[in-house]
Amino acid sequence: MDEPHALAAFAALSQETRLRIVRLLVEAGPEGLAAGAIGAAMDGASSSRMSFHLSHLEQAGLVASRREGRSILYSAVYPTLSGLIAFLMRDCCQGHPEVCAPAVAALSCACEPTGDTHA
């Protein structure tokens, strides 16, 4: 990921609702969620408000949409999210891998559940 793409992603994530949407979609997994379910999870936000936020996230490459029947499903774009993390961590170790160990451990899918779904 290059710096302009990272800046666009960070700009999209710098708004509370959009950050919550991305976290919700990451939690939902690759199958994603229908736009209505996302709106309901965002305290019943209006469809126009959700459309605005989802469009912003889609333009930044953080979410993707697909039509299934009459529904539009949104899902997180994991390669973009991984690229954003890699962009941040690219030069972190400087020959000292212990510096990055806590970040790598926090990202591991093998971590024991903590009970906090918003960590």
PDB file of N, CA and C in Angstrom:
ATOM      1  N   MET A   1       0.859  -1.172   0.000  1.00  0.00           N
ATOM      2  CA  MET A   1       0.000   0.000   0.000  1.00  0.00           C
ATOM      3  C   MET A   1       0.899   1.228   0.000  1.00  0.00           C
ATOM      4  N   ASP A   2       0.527   2.200  -0.821  1.00  0.00           N
ATOM      5  CA  ASP A   2       1.303   3.432  -0.854  1.00  0.00           C
ATOM      6  C   ASP A   2       0.686   4.482   0.076  1.00  0.00           C
ATOM      7  N   GLU A   3       1.415   5.549   0.285  1.00  0.00           N
ATOM      8  CA  GLU A   3       0.974   6.567   1.237  1.00  0.00           C
ATOM      9  C   GLU A   3      -0.359   7.228   0.868  1.00  0.00           C
ATOM     10  N   PRO A   4      -0.598   7.601  -0.398  1.00  0.00           N
ATOM     11  CA  PRO A   4      -1.905   8.204  -0.715  1.00  0.00           C
ATOM     12  C   PRO A   4      -3.087   7.281  -0.416  1.00  0.00           C
ATOM     13  N   HIS A   5      -2.925   5.981  -0.705  1.00  0.00           N
ATOM     14  CA  HIS A   5      -3.996   5.022  -0.418  1.00  0.00           C
ATOM     15  C   HIS A   5      -4.196   4.881   1.092  1.00  0.00           C
ATOM     16  N   ALA A   6      -3.098   4.843   1.837  1.00  0.00           N
ATOM     17  CA  ALA A   6      -3.190   4.755   3.303  1.00  0.00           C
ATOM     18  C   ALA A   6      -3.881   5.997   3.863  1.00  0.00           C
ATOM     19  N   LEU A   7      -3.544   7.161   3.345  1.00  0.00           N
ATOM     20  CA  LEU A   7      -4.186   8.391   3.820  1.00  0.00           C
ATOM     21  C   LEU A   7      -5.686   8.385   3.545  1.00  0.00           C
ATOM     22  N   ALA A   8      -6.088   7.895   2.369  1.00  0.00           N
ATOM     23  CA  ALA A   8      -7.517   7.808   2.045  1.00  0.00           C
ATOM     24  C   ALA A   8      -8.223   6.843   2.997  1.00  0.00           C
ATOM     25  N   ALA A   9      -7.581   5.729   3.300  1.00  0.00           N
ATOM     26  CA  ALA A   9      -8.176   4.751   4.214  1.00  0.00           C
ATOM     27  C   ALA A   9      -8.296   5.334   5.621  1.00  0.00           C
ATOM     28  N   PHE A  10      -7.235   5.984   6.086  1.00  0.00           N
ATOM     29  CA  PHE A  10      -7.284   6.584   7.422  1.00  0.00           C
ATOM     30  C   PHE A  10      -8.328   7.698   7.489  1.00  0.00           C
ATOM     31  N   ALA A  11      -8.460   8.467   6.422  1.00  0.00           N
ATOM     32  CA  ALA A  11      -9.475   9.522   6.398  1.00  0.00           C
ATOM     33  C   ALA A  11     -10.870   8.916   6.510  1.00  0.00           C
ATOM     34  N   ALA A  12     -11.101   7.820   5.798  1.00  0.00           N
ATOM     35  CA  ALA A  12     -12.403   7.159   5.865  1.00  0.00           C
ATOM     36  C   ALA A  12     -12.666   6.604   7.256  1.00  0.00           C
ATOM     37  N   LEU A  13     -11.638   6.081   7.898  1.00  0.00           N
ATOM     38  CA  LEU A  13     -11.794   5.479   9.220  1.00  0.00           C
ATOM     39  C   LEU A  13     -11.825   6.501  10.351  1.00  0.00           C
ATOM     40  N   SER A  14     -11.532   7.752  10.054  1.00  0.00           N
ATOM     41  CA  SER A  14     -11.445   8.759  11.112  1.00  0.00           C
ATOM     42  C   SER A  14     -12.798   9.274  11.573  1.00  0.00           C
ATOM     43  N   GLN A  15     -13.868   8.727  11.043  1.00  0.00           N
ATOM     44  CA  GLN A  15     -15.216   9.119  11.450  1.00  0.00           C
ATOM     45  C   GLN A  15     -15.821   7.950  12.237  1.00  0.00           C
ATOM     46  N   GLU A  16     -16.450   8.233  13.355  1.00  0.00           N
ATOM     47  CA  GLU A  16     -16.908   7.196  14.287  1.00  0.00           C
ATOM     48  C   GLU A  16     -17.814   6.151  13.637  1.00  0.00           C
ATOM     49  N   THR A  17     -18.812   6.564  12.900  1.00  0.00           N
ATOM     50  CA  THR A  17     -19.747   5.600  12.299  1.00  0.00           C
ATOM     51  C   THR A  17     -19.032   4.706  11.308  1.00  0.00           C
ATOM     52  N   ARG A  18     -18.163   5.275  10.489  1.00  0.00           N
ATOM     53  CA  ARG A  18     -17.456   4.465   9.496  1.00  0.00           C
ATOM     54  C   ARG A  18     -16.504   3.478  10.170  1.00  0.00           C
ATOM     55  N   LEU A  19     -15.843   3.891  11.226  1.00  0.00           N
ATOM     56  CA  LEU A  19     -14.983   2.960  11.964  1.00  0.00           C
ATOM     57  C   LEU A  19     -15.814   1.821  12.544  1.00  0.00           C
ATOM     58  N   ARG A  20     -16.967   2.146  13.106  1.00  0.00           N
ATOM     59  CA  ARG A  20     -17.846   1.111  13.673  1.00  0.00           C
ATOM     60  C   ARG A  20     -18.346   0.160  12.585  1.00  0.00           C
ATOM     61  N   ILE A  21     -18.640   0.694  11.404  1.00  0.00           N
ATOM     62  CA  ILE A  21     -19.099  -0.153  10.292  1.00  0.00           C
ATOM     63  C   ILE A  21     -18.005  -1.135   9.890  1.00  0.00           C
ATOM     64  N   VAL A  22     -16.779  -0.648   9.741  1.00  0.00           N
ATOM     65  CA  VAL A  22     -15.680  -1.537   9.341  1.00  0.00           C
ATOM     66  C   VAL A  22     -15.475  -2.619  10.394  1.00  0.00           C
ATOM     67  N   ARG A  23     -15.494  -2.245  11.649  1.00  0.00           N
ATOM     68  CA  ARG A  23     -15.317  -3.250  12.707  1.00  0.00           C
ATOM     69  C   ARG A  23     -16.446  -4.271  12.692  1.00  0.00           C
ATOM     70  N   LEU A  24     -17.665  -3.818  12.451  1.00  0.00           N
ATOM     71  CA  LEU A  24     -18.812  -4.721  12.354  1.00  0.00           C
ATOM     72  C   LEU A  24     -18.637  -5.683  11.186  1.00  0.00           C
ATOM     73  N   LEU A  25     -18.188  -5.173  10.046  1.00  0.00           N
ATOM     74  CA  LEU A  25     -18.014  -6.025   8.867  1.00  0.00           C
ATOM     75  C   LEU A  25     -16.846  -6.991   9.030  1.00  0.00           C
ATOM     76  N   VAL A  26     -15.801  -6.581   9.719  1.00  0.00           N
ATOM     77  CA  VAL A  26     -14.701  -7.508  10.009  1.00  0.00           C
ATOM     78  C   VAL A  26     -15.228  -8.651  10.871  1.00  0.00           C
ATOM     79  N   GLU A  27     -16.020  -8.306  11.868  1.00  0.00           N
ATOM     80  CA  GLU A  27     -16.599  -9.317  12.751  1.00  0.00           C
ATOM     81  C   GLU A  27     -17.565 -10.239  12.003  1.00  0.00           C
ATOM     82  N   ALA A  28     -18.291  -9.691  11.014  1.00  0.00           N
ATOM     83  CA  ALA A  28     -19.257 -10.482  10.248  1.00  0.00           C
ATOM     84  C   ALA A  28     -18.585 -11.514   9.360  1.00  0.00           C
ATOM     85  N   GLY A  29     -17.345 -11.287   8.995  1.00  0.00           N
ATOM     86  CA  GLY A  29     -16.636 -12.232   8.147  1.00  0.00           C
ATOM     87  C   GLY A  29     -16.863 -11.978   6.672  1.00  0.00           C
ATOM     88  N   PRO A  30     -16.311 -12.847   5.836  1.00  0.00           N
ATOM     89  CA  PRO A  30     -16.348 -12.644   4.389  1.00  0.00           C
ATOM     90  C   PRO A  30     -17.754 -12.593   3.784  1.00  0.00           C
ATOM     91  N   GLU A  31     -18.716 -13.230   4.445  1.00  0.00           N
ATOM     92  CA  GLU A  31     -20.079 -13.207   3.896  1.00  0.00           C
ATOM     93  C   GLU A  31     -20.709 -11.822   3.997  1.00  0.00           C
ATOM     94  N   GLY A  32     -20.256 -11.001   4.928  1.00  0.00           N
ATOM     95  CA  GLY A  32     -20.734  -9.631   5.040  1.00  0.00           C
ATOM     96  C   GLY A  32     -22.121  -9.520   5.632  1.00  0.00           C
ATOM     97  N   LEU A  33     -22.693  -8.338   5.493  1.00  0.00           N
ATOM     98  CA  LEU A  33     -24.021  -8.042   6.023  1.00  0.00           C
ATOM     99  C   LEU A  33     -24.816  -7.211   5.026  1.00  0.00           C
ATOM    100  N   ALA A  34     -26.121  -7.360   5.089  1.00  0.00           N
ATOM    101  CA  ALA A  34     -26.997  -6.527   4.272  1.00  0.00           C
ATOM    102  C   ALA A  34     -26.968  -5.095   4.800  1.00  0.00           C
ATOM    103  N   ALA A  35     -27.179  -4.157   3.905  1.00  0.00           N
ATOM    104  CA  ALA A  35     -27.170  -2.740   4.278  1.00  0.00           C
ATOM    105  C   ALA A  35     -28.142  -2.464   5.419  1.00  0.00           C
ATOM    106  N   GLY A  36     -29.311  -3.067   5.386  1.00  0.00           N
ATOM    107  CA  GLY A  36     -30.302  -2.860   6.446  1.00  0.00           C
ATOM    108  C   GLY A  36     -29.818  -3.347   7.801  1.00  0.00           C
ATOM    109  N   ALA A  37     -29.110  -4.464   7.809  1.00  0.00           N
ATOM    110  CA  ALA A  37     -28.571  -4.992   9.067  1.00  0.00           C
ATOM    111  C   ALA A  37     -27.471  -4.078   9.607  1.00  0.00           C
ATOM    112  N   ILE A  38     -26.700  -3.493   8.717  1.00  0.00           N
ATOM    113  CA  ILE A  38     -25.671  -2.550   9.151  1.00  0.00           C
ATOM    114  C   ILE A  38     -26.330  -1.324   9.764  1.00  0.00           C
ATOM    115  N   GLY A  39     -27.360  -0.811   9.106  1.00  0.00           N
ATOM    116  CA  GLY A  39     -28.083   0.345   9.628  1.00  0.00           C
ATOM    117  C   GLY A  39     -28.691   0.058  10.992  1.00  0.00           C
ATOM    118  N   ALA A  40     -29.266  -1.118  11.142  1.00  0.00           N
ATOM    119  CA  ALA A  40     -29.868  -1.492  12.428  1.00  0.00           C
ATOM    120  C   ALA A  40     -28.807  -1.566  13.526  1.00  0.00           C
ATOM    121  N   ALA A  41     -27.630  -2.083  13.174  1.00  0.00           N
ATOM    122  CA  ALA A  41     -26.550  -2.180  14.155  1.00  0.00           C
ATOM    123  C   ALA A  41     -25.983  -0.805  14.509  1.00  0.00           C
ATOM    124  N   MET A  42     -26.177   0.148  13.635  1.00  0.00           N
ATOM    125  CA  MET A  42     -25.700   1.517  13.887  1.00  0.00           C
ATOM    126  C   MET A  42     -26.827   2.355  14.486  1.00  0.00           C
ATOM    127  N   ASP A  43     -27.520   1.794  15.454  1.00  0.00           N
ATOM    128  CA  ASP A  43     -28.594   2.479  16.171  1.00  0.00           C
ATOM    129  C   ASP A  43     -29.724   2.930  15.257  1.00  0.00           C
ATOM    130  N   GLY A  44     -30.038   2.073  14.271  1.00  0.00           N
ATOM    131  CA  GLY A  44     -31.161   2.356  13.391  1.00  0.00           C
ATOM    132  C   GLY A  44     -30.951   3.543  12.478  1.00  0.00           C
ATOM    133  N   ALA A  45     -29.723   3.765  12.044  1.00  0.00           N
ATOM    134  CA  ALA A  45     -29.410   4.898  11.180  1.00  0.00           C
ATOM    135  C   ALA A  45     -30.215   4.812   9.888  1.00  0.00           C
ATOM    136  N   SER A  46     -30.554   5.950   9.342  1.00  0.00           N
ATOM    137  CA  SER A  46     -31.349   6.008   8.110  1.00  0.00           C
ATOM    138  C   SER A  46     -30.573   5.398   6.948  1.00  0.00           C
ATOM    139  N   SER A  47     -31.313   4.945   5.940  1.00  0.00           N
ATOM    140  CA  SER A  47     -30.663   4.331   4.788  1.00  0.00           C
ATOM    141  C   SER A  47     -29.809   5.338   4.030  1.00  0.00           C
ATOM    142  N   SER A  48     -30.225   6.606   3.985  1.00  0.00           N
ATOM    143  CA  SER A  48     -29.413   7.602   3.284  1.00  0.00           C
ATOM    144  C   SER A  48     -28.097   7.849   4.027  1.00  0.00           C
ATOM    145  N   ARG A  49     -28.153   7.855   5.355  1.00  0.00           N
ATOM    146  CA  ARG A  49     -26.931   8.039   6.153  1.00  0.00           C
ATOM    147  C   ARG A  49     -25.998   6.856   5.961  1.00  0.00           C
ATOM    148  N   MET A  50     -26.545   5.635   5.974  1.00  0.00           N
ATOM    149  CA  MET A  50     -25.721   4.445   5.781  1.00  0.00           C
ATOM    150  C   MET A  50     -25.133   4.429   4.376  1.00  0.00           C
ATOM    151  N   SER A  51     -25.921   4.816   3.399  1.00  0.00           N
ATOM    152  CA  SER A  51     -25.445   4.855   2.027  1.00  0.00           C
ATOM    153  C   SER A  51     -24.248   5.798   1.892  1.00  0.00           C
ATOM    154  N   PHE A  52     -24.337   6.951   2.545  1.00  0.00           N
ATOM    155  CA  PHE A  52     -23.238   7.924   2.525  1.00  0.00           C
ATOM    156  C   PHE A  52     -21.973   7.314   3.112  1.00  0.00           C
ATOM    157  N   HIS A  53     -22.080   6.717   4.284  1.00  0.00           N
ATOM    158  CA  HIS A  53     -20.913   6.153   4.957  1.00  0.00           C
ATOM    159  C   HIS A  53     -20.347   4.945   4.207  1.00  0.00           C
ATOM    160  N   LEU A  54     -21.224   4.070   3.742  1.00  0.00           N
ATOM    161  CA  LEU A  54     -20.771   2.886   3.019  1.00  0.00           C
ATOM    162  C   LEU A  54     -20.099   3.269   1.704  1.00  0.00           C
ATOM    163  N   SER A  55     -20.609   4.274   1.044  1.00  0.00           N
ATOM    164  CA  SER A  55     -20.004   4.754  -0.193  1.00  0.00           C
ATOM    165  C   SER A  55     -18.603   5.290   0.068  1.00  0.00           C
ATOM    166  N   HIS A  56     -18.452   6.038   1.144  1.00  0.00           N
ATOM    167  CA  HIS A  56     -17.146   6.584   1.514  1.00  0.00           C
ATOM    168  C   HIS A  56     -16.146   5.453   1.777  1.00  0.00           C
ATOM    169  N   LEU A  57     -16.577   4.442   2.499  1.00  0.00           N
ATOM    170  CA  LEU A  57     -15.711   3.294   2.795  1.00  0.00           C
ATOM    171  C   LEU A  57     -15.378   2.501   1.536  1.00  0.00           C
ATOM    172  N   GLU A  58     -16.348   2.400   0.650  1.00  0.00           N
ATOM    173  CA  GLU A  58     -16.120   1.664  -0.596  1.00  0.00           C
ATOM    174  C   GLU A  58     -15.116   2.417  -1.482  1.00  0.00           C
ATOM    175  N   GLN A  59     -15.237   3.730  -1.545  1.00  0.00           N
ATOM    176  CA  GLN A  59     -14.298   4.532  -2.332  1.00  0.00           C
ATOM    177  C   GLN A  59     -12.876   4.407  -1.788  1.00  0.00           C
ATOM    178  N   ALA A  60     -12.740   4.247  -0.491  1.00  0.00           N
ATOM    179  CA  ALA A  60     -11.422   4.082   0.126  1.00  0.00           C
ATOM    180  C   ALA A  60     -10.900   2.655  -0.022  1.00  0.00           C
ATOM    181  N   GLY A  61     -11.714   1.746  -0.554  1.00  0.00           N
ATOM    182  CA  GLY A  61     -11.293   0.368  -0.756  1.00  0.00           C
ATOM    183  C   GLY A  61     -11.375  -0.505   0.479  1.00  0.00           C
ATOM    184  N   LEU A  62     -12.062  -0.020   1.516  1.00  0.00           N
ATOM    185  CA  LEU A  62     -12.145  -0.770   2.775  1.00  0.00           C
ATOM    186  C   LEU A  62     -13.317  -1.742   2.817  1.00  0.00           C
ATOM    187  N   VAL A  63     -14.362  -1.465   2.063  1.00  0.00           N
ATOM    188  CA  VAL A  63     -15.507  -2.379   1.978  1.00  0.00           C
ATOM    189  C   VAL A  63     -15.870  -2.571   0.508  1.00  0.00           C
ATOM    190  N   ALA A  64     -16.530  -3.679   0.241  1.00  0.00           N
ATOM    191  CA  ALA A  64     -17.013  -3.987  -1.104  1.00  0.00           C
ATOM    192  C   ALA A  64     -18.482  -4.349  -1.003  1.00  0.00           C
ATOM    193  N   SER A  65     -19.206  -4.073  -2.060  1.00  0.00           N
ATOM    194  CA  SER A  65     -20.631  -4.404  -2.080  1.00  0.00           C
ATOM    195  C   SER A  65     -20.908  -5.392  -3.200  1.00  0.00           C
ATOM    196  N   ARG A  66     -21.967  -6.166  -2.985  1.00  0.00           N
ATOM    197  CA  ARG A  66     -22.431  -7.089  -4.027  1.00  0.00           C
ATOM    198  C   ARG A  66     -23.934  -7.245  -3.866  1.00  0.00           C
ATOM    199  N   ARG A  67     -24.596  -7.452  -4.961  1.00  0.00           N
ATOM    200  CA  ARG A  67     -26.045  -7.624  -4.942  1.00  0.00           C
ATOM    201  C   ARG A  67     -26.375  -9.106  -4.859  1.00  0.00           C
ATOM    202  N   GLU A  68     -27.264  -9.432  -3.935  1.00  0.00           N
ATOM    203  CA  GLU A  68     -27.824 -10.785  -3.834  1.00  0.00           C
ATOM    204  C   GLU A  68     -29.326 -10.633  -3.781  1.00  0.00           C
ATOM    205  N   GLY A  69     -29.967 -10.967  -4.879  1.00  0.00           N
ATOM    206  CA  GLY A  69     -31.414 -10.774  -4.960  1.00  0.00           C
ATOM    207  C   GLY A  69     -31.738  -9.298  -4.855  1.00  0.00           C
ATOM    208  N   ARG A  70     -32.575  -8.956  -3.899  1.00  0.00           N
ATOM    209  CA  ARG A  70     -32.952  -7.559  -3.718  1.00  0.00           C
ATOM    210  C   ARG A  70     -32.103  -6.843  -2.679  1.00  0.00           C
ATOM    211  N   SER A  71     -31.150  -7.546  -2.101  1.00  0.00           N
ATOM    212  CA  SER A  71     -30.305  -6.965  -1.057  1.00  0.00           C
ATOM    213  C   SER A  71     -28.935  -6.597  -1.596  1.00  0.00           C
ATOM    214  N   ILE A  72     -28.356  -5.593  -0.989  1.00  0.00           N
ATOM    215  CA  ILE A  72     -26.959  -5.263  -1.235  1.00  0.00           C
ATOM    216  C   ILE A  72     -26.201  -5.650   0.020  1.00  0.00           C
ATOM    217  N   LEU A  73     -25.241  -6.536  -0.170  1.00  0.00           N
ATOM    218  CA  LEU A  73     -24.417  -7.001   0.942  1.00  0.00           C
ATOM    219  C   LEU A  73     -23.065  -6.299   0.900  1.00  0.00           C
ATOM    220  N   TYR A  74     -22.595  -5.932   2.065  1.00  0.00           N
ATOM    221  CA  TYR A  74     -21.297  -5.274   2.196  1.00  0.00           C
ATOM    222  C   TYR A  74     -20.384  -6.169   3.008  1.00  0.00           C
ATOM    223  N   SER A  75     -19.119  -6.198   2.627  1.00  0.00           N
ATOM    224  CA  SER A  75     -18.134  -6.974   3.376  1.00  0.00           C
ATOM    225  C   SER A  75     -16.825  -6.200   3.432  1.00  0.00           C
ATOM    226  N   ALA A  76     -16.045  -6.501   4.448  1.00  0.00           N
ATOM    227  CA  ALA A  76     -14.732  -5.884   4.600  1.00  0.00           C
ATOM    228  C   ALA A  76     -13.817  -6.401   3.500  1.00  0.00           C
ATOM    229  N   VAL A  77     -12.935  -5.547   3.026  1.00  0.00           N
ATOM    230  CA  VAL A  77     -11.920  -5.947   2.051  1.00  0.00           C
ATOM    231  C   VAL A  77     -10.644  -6.231   2.845  1.00  0.00           C
ATOM    232  N   TYR A  78     -10.481  -7.489   3.191  1.00  0.00           N
ATOM    233  CA  TYR A  78      -9.382  -7.892   4.064  1.00  0.00           C
ATOM    234  C   TYR A  78      -7.999  -7.574   3.506  1.00  0.00           C
ATOM    235  N   PRO A  79      -7.757  -7.729   2.200  1.00  0.00           N
ATOM    236  CA  PRO A  79      -6.428  -7.365   1.690  1.00  0.00           C
ATOM    237  C   PRO A  79      -6.098  -5.874   1.905  1.00  0.00           C
ATOM    238  N   THR A  80      -7.088  -5.013   1.786  1.00  0.00           N
ATOM    239  CA  THR A  80      -6.840  -3.588   2.026  1.00  0.00           C
ATOM    240  C   THR A  80      -6.553  -3.344   3.504  1.00  0.00           C
ATOM    241  N   LEU A  81      -7.333  -3.959   4.376  1.00  0.00           N
ATOM    242  CA  LEU A  81      -7.094  -3.802   5.816  1.00  0.00           C
ATOM    243  C   LEU A  81      -5.728  -4.347   6.201  1.00  0.00           C
ATOM    244  N   SER A  82      -5.344  -5.487   5.641  1.00  0.00           N
ATOM    245  CA  SER A  82      -4.023  -6.059   5.908  1.00  0.00           C
ATOM    246  C   SER A  82      -2.931  -5.144   5.374  1.00  0.00           C
ATOM    247  N   GLY A  83      -3.171  -4.573   4.203  1.00  0.00           N
ATOM    248  CA  GLY A  83      -2.204  -3.650   3.628  1.00  0.00           C
ATOM    249  C   GLY A  83      -2.015  -2.409   4.472  1.00  0.00           C
ATOM    250  N   LEU A  84      -3.097  -1.939   5.071  1.00  0.00           N
ATOM    251  CA  LEU A  84      -3.025  -0.765   5.937  1.00  0.00           C
ATOM    252  C   LEU A  84      -2.190  -1.074   7.189  1.00  0.00           C
ATOM    253  N   ILE A  85      -2.407  -2.240   7.755  1.00  0.00           N
ATOM    254  CA  ILE A  85      -1.621  -2.653   8.920  1.00  0.00           C
ATOM    255  C   ILE A  85      -0.157  -2.826   8.531  1.00  0.00           C
ATOM    256  N   ALA A  86       0.084  -3.457   7.380  1.00  0.00           N
ATOM    257  CA  ALA A  86       1.462  -3.642   6.919  1.00  0.00           C
ATOM    258  C   ALA A  86       2.130  -2.296   6.657  1.00  0.00           C
ATOM    259  N   PHE A  87       1.378  -1.336   6.114  1.00  0.00           N
ATOM    260  CA  PHE A  87       1.914   0.002   5.883  1.00  0.00           C
ATOM    261  C   PHE A  87       2.398   0.616   7.189  1.00  0.00           C
ATOM    262  N   LEU A  88       1.594   0.476   8.240  1.00  0.00           N
ATOM    263  CA  LEU A  88       1.969   1.034   9.542  1.00  0.00           C
ATOM    264  C   LEU A  88       3.167   0.323  10.149  1.00  0.00           C
ATOM    265  N   MET A  89       3.231  -0.969   9.970  1.00  0.00           N
ATOM    266  CA  MET A  89       4.239  -1.776  10.660  1.00  0.00           C
ATOM    267  C   MET A  89       5.477  -2.058   9.802  1.00  0.00           C
ATOM    268  N   ARG A  90       5.509  -1.590   8.584  1.00  0.00           N
ATOM    269  CA  ARG A  90       6.563  -1.944   7.626  1.00  0.00           C
ATOM    270  C   ARG A  90       7.965  -1.803   8.210  1.00  0.00           C
ATOM    271  N   ASP A  91       8.252  -0.729   8.858  1.00  0.00           N
ATOM    272  CA  ASP A  91       9.607  -0.479   9.333  1.00  0.00           C
ATOM    273  C   ASP A  91       9.729  -0.535  10.854  1.00  0.00           C
ATOM    274  N   CYS A  92       8.813  -1.228  11.507  1.00  0.00           N
ATOM    275  CA  CYS A  92       8.753  -1.151  12.962  1.00  0.00           C
ATOM    276  C   CYS A  92       9.912  -1.833  13.665  1.00  0.00           C
ATOM    277  N   CYS A  93      10.397  -2.903  13.160  1.00  0.00           N
ATOM    278  CA  CYS A  93      11.346  -3.712  13.926  1.00  0.00           C
ATOM    279  C   CYS A  93      12.770  -3.180  13.926  1.00  0.00           C
ATOM    280  N   GLN A  94      13.220  -2.650  12.814  1.00  0.00           N
ATOM    281  CA  GLN A  94      14.588  -2.130  12.728  1.00  0.00           C
ATOM    282  C   GLN A  94      15.600  -3.120  13.304  1.00  0.00           C
ATOM    283  N   GLY A  95      15.412  -4.414  12.990  1.00  0.00           N
ATOM    284  CA  GLY A  95      16.332  -5.429  13.484  1.00  0.00           C
ATOM    285  C   GLY A  95      16.017  -5.943  14.875  1.00  0.00           C
ATOM    286  N   HIS A  96      14.914  -5.500  15.457  1.00  0.00           N
ATOM    287  CA  HIS A  96      14.526  -5.926  16.809  1.00  0.00           C
ATOM    288  C   HIS A  96      13.092  -6.459  16.766  1.00  0.00           C
ATOM    289  N   PRO A  97      12.913  -7.730  16.407  1.00  0.00           N
ATOM    290  CA  PRO A  97      11.564  -8.279  16.248  1.00  0.00           C
ATOM    291  C   PRO A  97      10.710  -8.222  17.507  1.00  0.00           C
ATOM    292  N   GLU A  98      11.324  -8.138  18.676  1.00  0.00           N
ATOM    293  CA  GLU A  98      10.537  -8.062  19.913  1.00  0.00           C
ATOM    294  C   GLU A  98       9.700  -6.781  19.967  1.00  0.00           C
ATOM    295  N   VAL A  99      10.095  -5.762  19.227  1.00  0.00           N
ATOM    296  CA  VAL A  99       9.333  -4.510  19.186  1.00  0.00           C
ATOM    297  C   VAL A  99       7.952  -4.750  18.574  1.00  0.00           C
ATOM    298  N   CYS A 100       7.891  -5.583  17.549  1.00  0.00           N
ATOM    299  CA  CYS A 100       6.634  -5.848  16.836  1.00  0.00           C
ATOM    300  C   CYS A 100       5.833  -6.999  17.429  1.00  0.00           C
ATOM    301  N   ALA A 101       6.430  -7.777  18.316  1.00  0.00           N
ATOM    302  CA  ALA A 101       5.768  -8.972  18.849  1.00  0.00           C
ATOM    303  C   ALA A 101       4.391  -8.681  19.439  1.00  0.00           C
ATOM    304  N   PRO A 102       4.191  -7.627  20.238  1.00  0.00           N
ATOM    305  CA  PRO A 102       2.852  -7.381  20.783  1.00  0.00           C
ATOM    306  C   PRO A 102       1.812  -7.101  19.694  1.00  0.00           C
ATOM    307  N   ALA A 103       2.195  -6.371  18.660  1.00  0.00           N
ATOM    308  CA  ALA A 103       1.253  -6.074  17.572  1.00  0.00           C
ATOM    309  C   ALA A 103       0.907  -7.342  16.808  1.00  0.00           C
ATOM    310  N   VAL A 104       1.905  -8.162  16.526  1.00  0.00           N
ATOM    311  CA  VAL A 104       1.667  -9.413  15.812  1.00  0.00           C
ATOM    312  C   VAL A 104       0.781 -10.336  16.644  1.00  0.00           C
ATOM    313  N   ALA A 105       1.043 -10.427  17.931  1.00  0.00           N
ATOM    314  CA  ALA A 105       0.232 -11.273  18.806  1.00  0.00           C
ATOM    315  C   ALA A 105      -1.213 -10.791  18.855  1.00  0.00           C
ATOM    316  N   ALA A 106      -1.421  -9.484  18.852  1.00  0.00           N
ATOM    317  CA  ALA A 106      -2.780  -8.933  18.903  1.00  0.00           C
ATOM    318  C   ALA A 106      -3.564  -9.241  17.636  1.00  0.00           C
ATOM    319  N   LEU A 107      -2.878  -9.445  16.537  1.00  0.00           N
ATOM    320  CA  LEU A 107      -3.540  -9.723  15.255  1.00  0.00           C
ATOM    321  C   LEU A 107      -3.785 -11.196  15.008  1.00  0.00           C
ATOM    322  N   SER A 108      -3.197 -12.046  15.815  1.00  0.00           N
ATOM    323  CA  SER A 108      -3.286 -13.478  15.602  1.00  0.00           C
ATOM    324  C   SER A 108      -4.709 -13.985  15.783  1.00  0.00           C
ATOM    325  N   CYS A 109      -5.184 -14.743  14.802  1.00  0.00           N
ATOM    326  CA  CYS A 109      -6.518 -15.356  14.906  1.00  0.00           C
ATOM    327  C   CYS A 109      -6.522 -16.477  15.934  1.00  0.00           C
ATOM    328  N   ALA A 110      -5.347 -16.932  16.323  1.00  0.00           N
ATOM    329  CA  ALA A 110      -5.250 -18.023  17.283  1.00  0.00           C
ATOM    330  C   ALA A 110      -5.312 -17.532  18.728  1.00  0.00           C
ATOM    331  N   CYS A 111      -5.445 -16.211  18.903  1.00  0.00           N
ATOM    332  CA  CYS A 111      -5.501 -15.674  20.267  1.00  0.00           C
ATOM    333  C   CYS A 111      -6.713 -16.209  20.998  1.00  0.00           C
ATOM    334  N   GLU A 112      -6.587 -16.357  22.301  1.00  0.00           N
ATOM    335  CA  GLU A 112      -7.710 -16.771  23.134  1.00  0.00           C
ATOM    336  C   GLU A 112      -8.713 -15.633  23.179  1.00  0.00           C
ATOM    337  N   PRO A 113     -10.017 -15.932  23.100  1.00  0.00           N
ATOM    338  CA  PRO A 113     -11.019 -14.878  23.197  1.00  0.00           C
ATOM    339  C   PRO A 113     -10.932 -14.177  24.567  1.00  0.00           C
ATOM    340  N   THR A 114     -11.099 -12.868  24.543  1.00  0.00           N
ATOM    341  CA  THR A 114     -11.026 -12.109  25.781  1.00  0.00           C
ATOM    342  C   THR A 114     -12.407 -11.741  26.296  1.00  0.00           C
ATOM    343  N   GLY A 115     -13.410 -11.958  25.455  1.00  0.00           N
ATOM    344  CA  GLY A 115     -14.768 -11.560  25.826  1.00  0.00           C
ATOM    345  C   GLY A 115     -15.078 -10.150  25.387  1.00  0.00           C
ATOM    346  N   ASP A 116     -14.065  -9.386  24.987  1.00  0.00           N
ATOM    347  CA  ASP A 116     -14.271  -8.023  24.505  1.00  0.00           C
ATOM    348  C   ASP A 116     -14.287  -8.073  22.987  1.00  0.00           C
ATOM    349  N   THR A 117     -15.453  -7.921  22.385  1.00  0.00           N
ATOM    350  CA  THR A 117     -15.572  -8.012  20.934  1.00  0.00           C
ATOM    351  C   THR A 117     -15.159  -6.733  20.250  1.00  0.00           C
ATOM    352  N   HIS A 118     -14.808  -5.707  21.022  1.00  0.00           N
ATOM    353  CA  HIS A 118     -14.429  -4.442  20.407  1.00  0.00           C
ATOM    354  C   HIS A 118     -13.002  -4.050  20.753  1.00  0.00           C
ATOM    355  N   ALA A 119     -12.162  -5.052  21.002  1.00  0.00           N
ATOM    356  CA  ALA A 119     -10.761  -4.783  21.340  1.00  0.00           C
ATOM    357  C   ALA A 119      -9.964  -4.461  20.090  1.00  0.00           C
TER     358      ALA A 119
END
